[in-house]
Protein backbone atom coordinates (compact mmCIF):
# COMPACT_ATOMS: atom_id res chain seq x y z
CA MET A 1 -53.86 6.55 34.81
CA THR A 2 -57.35 7.97 34.28
CA ILE A 3 -57.59 11.76 34.48
CA ASP A 4 -60.62 13.29 36.17
CA PRO A 5 -61.61 16.13 33.76
CA HIS A 6 -63.49 18.03 36.47
CA ALA A 7 -60.56 17.95 38.89
CA ALA A 8 -58.13 18.84 36.12
CA ALA A 9 -60.28 21.82 35.13
CA GLU A 10 -60.51 23.05 38.71
CA THR A 11 -56.73 22.87 38.99
CA ALA A 12 -56.36 24.78 35.72
CA TYR A 13 -58.78 27.50 36.84
CA ALA A 14 -56.81 27.92 40.06
CA ARG A 15 -53.51 28.19 38.21
CA ILE A 16 -54.95 30.72 35.78
CA ALA A 17 -56.37 32.83 38.61
CA SER A 18 -52.97 32.91 40.30
CA MET A 19 -51.29 34.13 37.09
CA VAL A 20 -53.60 37.04 36.25
CA ASN A 21 -52.26 40.32 37.56
CA GLY A 22 -54.19 43.12 35.89
CA PRO A 23 -56.52 43.46 32.90
CA LEU A 24 -55.83 41.17 29.95
CA ALA A 25 -57.64 40.39 26.70
CA PHE A 26 -57.09 37.16 24.79
CA MET A 27 -58.70 36.75 21.38
CA GLU A 28 -59.92 33.40 20.13
CA VAL A 29 -59.64 33.77 16.37
CA CYS A 30 -61.72 30.69 15.56
CA GLY A 31 -65.52 30.60 15.67
CA THR A 32 -65.44 26.97 16.75
CA HIS A 33 -63.43 28.06 19.79
CA THR A 34 -66.07 30.68 20.53
CA MET A 35 -68.77 28.02 20.55
CA ALA A 36 -66.64 25.61 22.60
CA ILE A 37 -65.90 28.30 25.18
CA GLY A 38 -69.59 29.10 25.44
CA ARG A 39 -70.70 25.48 25.63
CA ALA A 40 -68.29 24.79 28.49
CA GLY A 41 -69.07 28.06 30.29
CA LEU A 42 -65.38 28.91 30.53
CA ARG A 43 -65.84 32.67 30.70
CA THR A 44 -67.87 32.43 33.89
CA ARG A 45 -65.00 30.69 35.67
CA LEU A 46 -62.14 32.90 34.55
CA PRO A 47 -60.97 35.93 36.58
CA ASP A 48 -62.82 39.16 35.83
CA ASP A 49 -59.56 40.76 34.67
CA LEU A 50 -59.13 38.14 31.93
CA ARG A 51 -61.43 38.75 28.96
CA LEU A 52 -61.82 36.28 26.11
CA VAL A 53 -62.93 38.23 23.05
CA SER A 54 -64.07 36.82 19.73
CA GLY A 55 -62.23 37.55 16.50
CA PRO A 56 -63.23 37.29 12.84
CA GLY A 57 -63.08 33.51 12.88
CA CYS A 58 -66.47 32.81 11.30
CA PRO A 59 -66.21 32.60 7.47
CA VAL A 60 -69.92 33.19 7.01
CA CYS A 61 -69.77 36.28 9.24
CA VAL A 62 -66.90 37.95 7.38
CA THR A 63 -68.36 37.38 3.90
CA PRO A 64 -69.18 40.93 2.74
CA ALA A 65 -72.70 41.92 1.80
CA VAL A 66 -71.65 42.54 -1.81
CA ASP A 67 -70.79 38.83 -2.18
CA ILE A 68 -74.23 37.89 -0.86
CA GLU A 69 -75.70 40.28 -3.41
CA ARG A 70 -73.59 38.71 -6.18
CA ALA A 71 -74.73 35.23 -5.24
CA ALA A 72 -78.38 36.34 -5.16
CA ALA A 73 -78.00 38.03 -8.54
CA LEU A 74 -76.43 34.90 -10.01
CA ALA A 75 -79.29 32.77 -8.67
CA VAL A 76 -81.82 34.60 -10.85
CA GLU A 77 -79.66 34.53 -13.99
CA PRO A 78 -81.15 32.28 -16.69
CA GLY A 79 -79.53 28.86 -16.73
CA VAL A 80 -77.60 29.39 -13.48
CA THR A 81 -77.83 27.36 -10.25
CA VAL A 82 -76.10 28.64 -7.13
CA ALA A 83 -74.79 25.98 -4.76
CA THR A 84 -73.95 27.06 -1.22
CA PHE A 85 -73.39 25.92 2.33
CA GLY A 86 -76.59 26.10 4.38
CA ASP A 87 -75.17 28.63 6.85
CA LEU A 88 -75.03 31.25 4.11
CA LEU A 89 -78.73 31.02 3.21
CA ARG A 90 -79.94 33.31 5.99
CA VAL A 91 -77.04 35.77 6.09
CA PRO A 92 -78.42 39.22 5.26
CA GLY A 93 -77.09 41.05 2.25
CA ALA A 94 -78.08 44.63 1.65
CA ASN A 95 -81.33 43.61 -0.07
CA GLY A 96 -82.25 40.32 1.57
CA THR A 97 -80.87 36.81 1.82
CA LEU A 98 -80.19 33.91 -0.52
CA GLN A 99 -83.14 32.17 1.10
CA GLU A 100 -85.38 35.04 0.04
CA ALA A 101 -83.87 35.01 -3.45
CA ARG A 102 -84.77 31.32 -3.68
CA ALA A 103 -88.31 32.07 -2.54
CA ARG A 104 -88.55 34.56 -5.42
CA GLY A 105 -87.64 31.84 -7.89
CA GLY A 106 -83.87 31.91 -7.79
CA GLN A 107 -82.11 28.59 -8.23
CA VAL A 108 -80.28 28.02 -4.93
CA LYS A 109 -79.29 24.57 -3.68
CA VAL A 110 -77.67 23.66 -0.37
CA VAL A 111 -74.60 21.43 -0.55
CA TYR A 112 -72.21 20.17 2.10
CA ALA A 113 -69.07 20.26 -0.01
CA ALA A 114 -67.75 21.68 -3.27
CA THR A 115 -67.69 18.15 -4.68
CA GLU A 116 -71.50 18.01 -4.41
CA ALA A 117 -71.71 21.15 -6.54
CA LEU A 118 -69.44 19.50 -9.11
CA ASP A 119 -71.65 16.40 -9.12
CA LEU A 120 -74.65 18.66 -9.69
CA ALA A 121 -72.90 20.29 -12.64
CA GLU A 122 -72.18 16.89 -14.17
CA ILE A 123 -75.86 15.96 -13.88
CA GLU A 124 -77.24 19.29 -15.13
CA ARG A 125 -74.94 19.90 -18.10
CA THR A 126 -77.23 22.54 -19.58
CA ARG A 127 -76.93 24.78 -16.52
CA THR A 128 -74.00 26.67 -15.06
CA VAL A 129 -73.47 25.66 -11.44
CA VAL A 130 -71.83 28.34 -9.28
CA PHE A 131 -70.40 27.20 -5.97
CA VAL A 132 -70.14 30.04 -3.42
CA GLY A 133 -66.55 29.70 -2.24
CA ILE A 134 -66.38 30.91 1.34
CA GLY A 135 -64.06 29.72 4.06
CA PHE A 136 -60.56 29.95 5.45
CA GLU A 137 -57.48 27.84 4.75
CA THR A 138 -59.31 24.78 6.10
CA THR A 139 -61.84 24.50 3.27
CA THR A 140 -60.08 26.28 0.41
CA PRO A 141 -57.80 23.33 -0.52
CA THR A 142 -60.84 21.11 -1.03
CA VAL A 143 -62.37 23.72 -3.36
CA ALA A 144 -59.07 23.94 -5.27
CA ALA A 145 -59.01 20.16 -5.59
CA THR A 146 -62.59 20.25 -6.90
CA VAL A 147 -61.59 22.79 -9.55
CA LEU A 148 -58.76 20.51 -10.66
CA ARG A 149 -61.17 17.59 -10.78
CA ALA A 150 -63.62 19.62 -12.86
CA GLN A 151 -60.83 20.46 -15.28
CA SER A 152 -59.69 16.85 -15.59
CA ARG A 153 -63.25 15.65 -16.16
CA GLY A 154 -64.04 18.39 -18.65
CA VAL A 155 -66.91 19.77 -16.57
CA HIS A 156 -66.95 23.27 -17.99
CA ASN A 157 -70.32 24.31 -16.55
CA PHE A 158 -68.90 24.34 -12.99
CA CYS A 159 -67.42 27.50 -11.51
CA VAL A 160 -66.73 29.14 -8.16
CA LEU A 161 -67.60 32.57 -6.76
CA PRO A 162 -64.38 33.27 -4.83
CA ALA A 163 -64.93 34.77 -1.38
CA PHE A 164 -62.13 33.01 0.48
CA LYS A 165 -60.27 34.56 3.41
CA LEU A 166 -56.80 34.05 4.91
CA VAL A 167 -56.40 34.15 8.69
CA PRO A 168 -52.83 35.44 9.33
CA PRO A 169 -53.35 38.76 7.45
CA ALA A 170 -56.45 39.41 9.56
CA MET A 171 -54.46 38.75 12.73
CA HIS A 172 -51.84 41.25 11.56
CA ALA A 173 -54.53 43.86 10.88
CA LEU A 174 -56.16 43.40 14.29
CA ALA A 175 -52.83 43.48 16.09
CA SER A 176 -51.97 46.74 14.29
CA ASP A 177 -55.21 48.50 15.24
CA PRO A 178 -54.47 50.94 18.10
CA GLU A 179 -58.11 50.85 19.19
CA ILE A 180 -58.02 47.11 19.85
CA ARG A 181 -56.30 45.56 22.84
CA ILE A 182 -55.05 42.02 22.29
CA ASP A 183 -52.63 40.55 24.83
CA GLY A 184 -52.62 37.06 23.32
CA PHE A 185 -54.04 35.05 20.43
CA LEU A 186 -55.69 31.64 20.73
CA CYS A 187 -54.84 30.49 17.21
CA PRO A 188 -57.39 28.42 15.28
CA GLY A 189 -57.06 24.65 15.46
CA HIS A 190 -58.63 23.69 12.14
CA VAL A 191 -56.85 26.35 10.10
CA SER A 192 -53.56 25.45 11.80
CA SER A 193 -53.92 21.83 10.70
CA ILE A 194 -53.36 23.18 7.18
CA LEU A 195 -51.01 26.09 7.89
CA GLY A 196 -48.96 24.63 10.72
CA THR A 197 -47.52 27.05 13.27
CA MET A 198 -44.95 29.06 11.28
CA PRO A 199 -47.38 31.57 9.66
CA TYR A 200 -48.14 32.97 13.13
CA GLU A 201 -44.50 33.67 13.95
CA PRO A 202 -44.45 37.10 12.24
CA VAL A 203 -47.55 38.07 14.24
CA ALA A 204 -45.89 37.15 17.52
CA ARG A 205 -42.56 38.72 16.56
CA GLU A 206 -43.71 41.95 14.91
CA HIS A 207 -46.55 42.78 17.27
CA ARG A 208 -45.10 41.32 20.47
CA ILE A 209 -48.22 39.22 21.07
CA PRO A 210 -48.00 35.62 22.32
CA CYS A 211 -49.76 33.06 20.10
CA VAL A 212 -50.88 29.58 21.13
CA VAL A 213 -52.58 27.02 18.88
CA ALA A 214 -55.44 25.53 20.86
CA GLY A 215 -57.62 22.45 20.64
CA PHE A 216 -61.35 22.50 21.23
CA GLU A 217 -61.87 20.50 24.42
CA PRO A 218 -62.26 22.63 27.58
CA LEU A 219 -59.00 21.37 29.06
CA GLU A 220 -57.17 22.10 25.80
CA ILE A 221 -58.47 25.68 25.77
CA LEU A 222 -57.53 26.16 29.42
CA SER A 223 -54.07 24.77 28.68
CA ALA A 224 -53.65 27.31 25.87
CA ILE A 225 -54.76 30.14 28.15
CA GLU A 226 -52.18 29.04 30.73
CA ALA A 227 -49.51 29.00 28.03
CA LEU A 228 -50.36 32.57 27.03
CA LEU A 229 -50.22 33.71 30.65
CA LEU A 230 -46.88 32.00 31.17
CA GLN A 231 -45.41 33.72 28.11
CA LEU A 232 -46.54 37.10 29.42
CA GLU A 233 -45.17 36.27 32.85
CA GLU A 234 -41.78 35.39 31.36
CA GLY A 235 -41.71 38.26 28.86
CA ARG A 236 -41.89 35.96 25.83
CA CYS A 237 -43.87 36.45 22.62
CA GLU A 238 -43.71 33.17 20.75
CA VAL A 239 -45.86 30.62 18.95
CA GLU A 240 -46.69 27.49 20.92
CA ASN A 241 -48.63 24.45 19.81
CA ARG A 242 -50.97 23.01 22.44
CA TYR A 243 -52.86 21.01 19.80
CA ALA A 244 -50.02 18.83 18.56
CA ARG A 245 -52.27 15.76 18.25
CA ALA A 246 -53.96 17.42 15.26
CA VAL A 247 -51.58 20.19 14.18
CA PRO A 248 -48.11 19.28 12.87
CA THR A 249 -45.56 22.09 12.92
CA GLN A 250 -45.47 22.04 9.11
CA GLY A 251 -49.24 21.71 8.77
CA ASN A 252 -50.37 20.02 5.57
CA PRO A 253 -47.96 20.93 2.73
CA ALA A 254 -49.92 18.90 0.17
CA ALA A 255 -53.14 20.81 0.90
CA ARG A 256 -51.33 24.15 0.70
CA ALA A 257 -49.73 23.15 -2.60
CA ILE A 258 -53.13 22.40 -4.14
CA MET A 259 -54.48 25.73 -2.87
CA ASP A 260 -51.46 27.61 -4.24
CA ARG A 261 -51.75 25.85 -7.58
CA VAL A 262 -55.23 27.22 -8.23
CA PHE A 263 -55.36 30.46 -6.24
CA VAL A 264 -53.17 33.47 -5.56
CA PRO A 265 -53.47 35.95 -2.65
CA CYS A 266 -55.35 39.18 -3.30
CA ASP A 267 -56.74 42.09 -1.32
CA ALA A 268 -60.14 41.24 0.12
CA SER A 269 -62.98 42.93 1.94
CA TRP A 270 -64.06 41.51 5.30
CA ARG A 271 -67.56 42.37 6.45
CA GLY A 272 -67.46 44.83 9.31
CA ILE A 273 -63.67 45.09 9.14
CA GLY A 274 -62.89 46.45 5.69
CA MET A 275 -60.32 45.84 2.98
CA LEU A 276 -57.28 43.89 4.16
CA PRO A 277 -54.20 43.46 1.95
CA ALA A 278 -53.44 39.96 0.66
CA SER A 279 -56.17 38.47 2.85
CA GLY A 280 -58.22 36.78 0.12
CA LEU A 281 -57.69 34.45 -2.81
CA ALA A 282 -58.27 34.95 -6.52
CA PHE A 283 -58.04 32.47 -9.38
CA ARG A 284 -54.75 32.17 -11.20
CA PRO A 285 -55.12 33.10 -14.90
CA GLU A 286 -54.81 29.49 -16.05
CA TYR A 287 -57.98 28.60 -14.10
CA ALA A 288 -59.99 31.71 -14.98
CA GLU A 289 -62.64 29.61 -16.76
CA PHE A 290 -63.76 28.41 -13.32
CA ASP A 291 -64.10 31.94 -11.92
CA ALA A 292 -67.78 32.87 -11.69
CA LEU A 293 -66.82 36.55 -11.78
CA GLU A 294 -65.48 35.94 -15.28
CA ARG A 295 -67.94 33.27 -16.42
CA VAL A 296 -71.20 34.94 -15.40
CA PRO A 297 -70.46 38.61 -14.66
CA VAL A 298 -73.25 40.40 -12.82
CA ASN A 299 -73.47 44.08 -12.01
CA VAL A 300 -73.91 44.62 -8.30
CA PRO A 301 -73.71 48.13 -6.83
CA GLU A 302 -71.58 48.86 -3.79
CA VAL A 303 -73.62 48.25 -0.66
CA GLU A 304 -73.26 48.82 3.06
CA ASP A 305 -71.94 45.78 4.89
CA LEU A 306 -73.99 46.27 8.05
CA PRO A 307 -77.31 47.97 8.79
CA ALA A 308 -77.46 50.94 11.13
CA GLY A 309 -76.89 50.00 14.74
CA CYS A 310 -75.43 46.55 14.03
CA GLY A 311 -72.31 45.92 16.11
CA CYS A 312 -71.04 42.83 14.27
CA GLY A 313 -67.95 44.66 13.03
CA ASP A 314 -66.93 45.69 16.54
CA VAL A 315 -67.69 42.18 17.83
CA MET A 316 -65.41 40.60 15.22
CA LYS A 317 -62.66 43.10 16.04
CA GLY A 318 -62.90 42.29 19.72
CA ARG A 319 -63.89 45.84 20.61
CA ILE A 320 -67.15 44.81 22.26
CA GLN A 321 -68.82 41.65 23.50
CA PRO A 322 -72.09 40.74 21.73
CA PRO A 323 -74.44 41.90 24.54
CA GLU A 324 -72.90 45.37 24.23
CA CYS A 325 -74.53 45.74 20.80
CA ARG A 326 -77.78 47.62 21.29
CA LEU A 327 -79.62 45.28 18.90
CA PHE A 328 -78.52 42.04 20.60
CA GLY A 329 -81.39 39.90 21.87
CA HIS A 330 -84.01 42.50 20.98
CA ARG A 331 -84.10 43.47 17.33
CA CYS A 332 -81.46 40.85 16.50
CA THR A 333 -82.11 37.21 17.42
CA PRO A 334 -81.41 33.86 15.70
CA ALA A 335 -85.01 33.83 14.48
CA ARG A 336 -84.69 37.35 13.06
CA PRO A 337 -80.99 38.11 12.60
CA VAL A 338 -79.92 41.60 11.68
CA GLY A 339 -76.19 40.91 11.47
CA PRO A 340 -74.23 37.86 10.25
CA CYS A 341 -72.78 37.01 13.69
CA MET A 342 -76.25 35.98 14.85
CA VAL A 343 -76.79 33.63 11.89
CA SER A 344 -73.84 31.30 11.66
CA SER A 345 -73.29 28.27 13.86
CA GLU A 346 -69.83 29.78 14.50
CA GLY A 347 -71.00 33.35 15.04
CA ALA A 348 -70.07 35.08 18.29
CA CYS A 349 -73.54 36.59 18.76
CA ALA A 350 -75.18 33.22 18.18
CA ALA A 351 -72.89 31.72 20.82
CA TRP A 352 -73.69 34.40 23.40
CA TYR A 353 -77.43 34.13 22.65
CA LYS A 354 -77.38 30.36 23.00
CA TYR A 355 -75.18 30.07 26.06
CA GLY A 356 -75.81 33.40 27.80
CA GLY A 357 -73.14 34.73 30.13
CA GLY A 358 -71.36 31.41 29.82
CA SER A 359 -70.32 32.20 26.29
């Protein structure tokens, strides 16, 4: 039987409206969810008492300014080429962007995967190629696999600037913050395809917050919202999987094994949020030769993550919605971004700017 998406959505909106009894705040942790919610205009159809707030689910956004400064400093080192995802080019550091560093003569090349950076290193054997390693559990296994490939091929002029982030520790930190209200988590679909559902169970259990893994189609997001509401209605705080077609309960053990083989958890700084315990990844000692921090050490002073007046930190904590930042849409636009959330294709501010009140 063919399902009419419009009719199904209208039915879902009606069910959701009937289940909301008082103010609630659900956080979508994933930046792709933020964009999907905006594209579909879901917020405009939900009850006023139900707020969807964005979390720190954009890897470009949470990369601290000091890592941007490190990458820019590496780009002007003799014999060094920095390879990076395109989204990172325009993210402001404390003293400019990688794009500006390239304009000043720095060697910065855009790649679409870590494997492209490795290929570049094999071609340019006289140069050290530094891949800027940003991302969550979705992309980190591929970087780990690339490191193993570099080792097996004897490509010793390839290395990685580690700036990886882990999602569950950030969820714990947000849930523990007394200034942040979170009544339910929409757990990230892509990250969950690697992690599975079990890593969210301590979040639900310890913080008494329902968690639901959601897909990215409008009906899938609405289904996850209904599941959160039903848990609250029944007094449950559990982890549910409403994206089973892409997320097995166990996730991807092989991908996690590769990641764990090369990296080990470490404390990490999140832009606008601060230092979070065991929320990043560092190289294991046996792979230290591929650590850019060891291979090409550069001295970068401590810098402020955000300029004065920028509300990106509060946006990523769910404290405010992007239009509540006094710079939004005036001093800070996609053409002239002040904060990282306006730059990335997964940034909350970029979503609100692009889709207006529908985001």
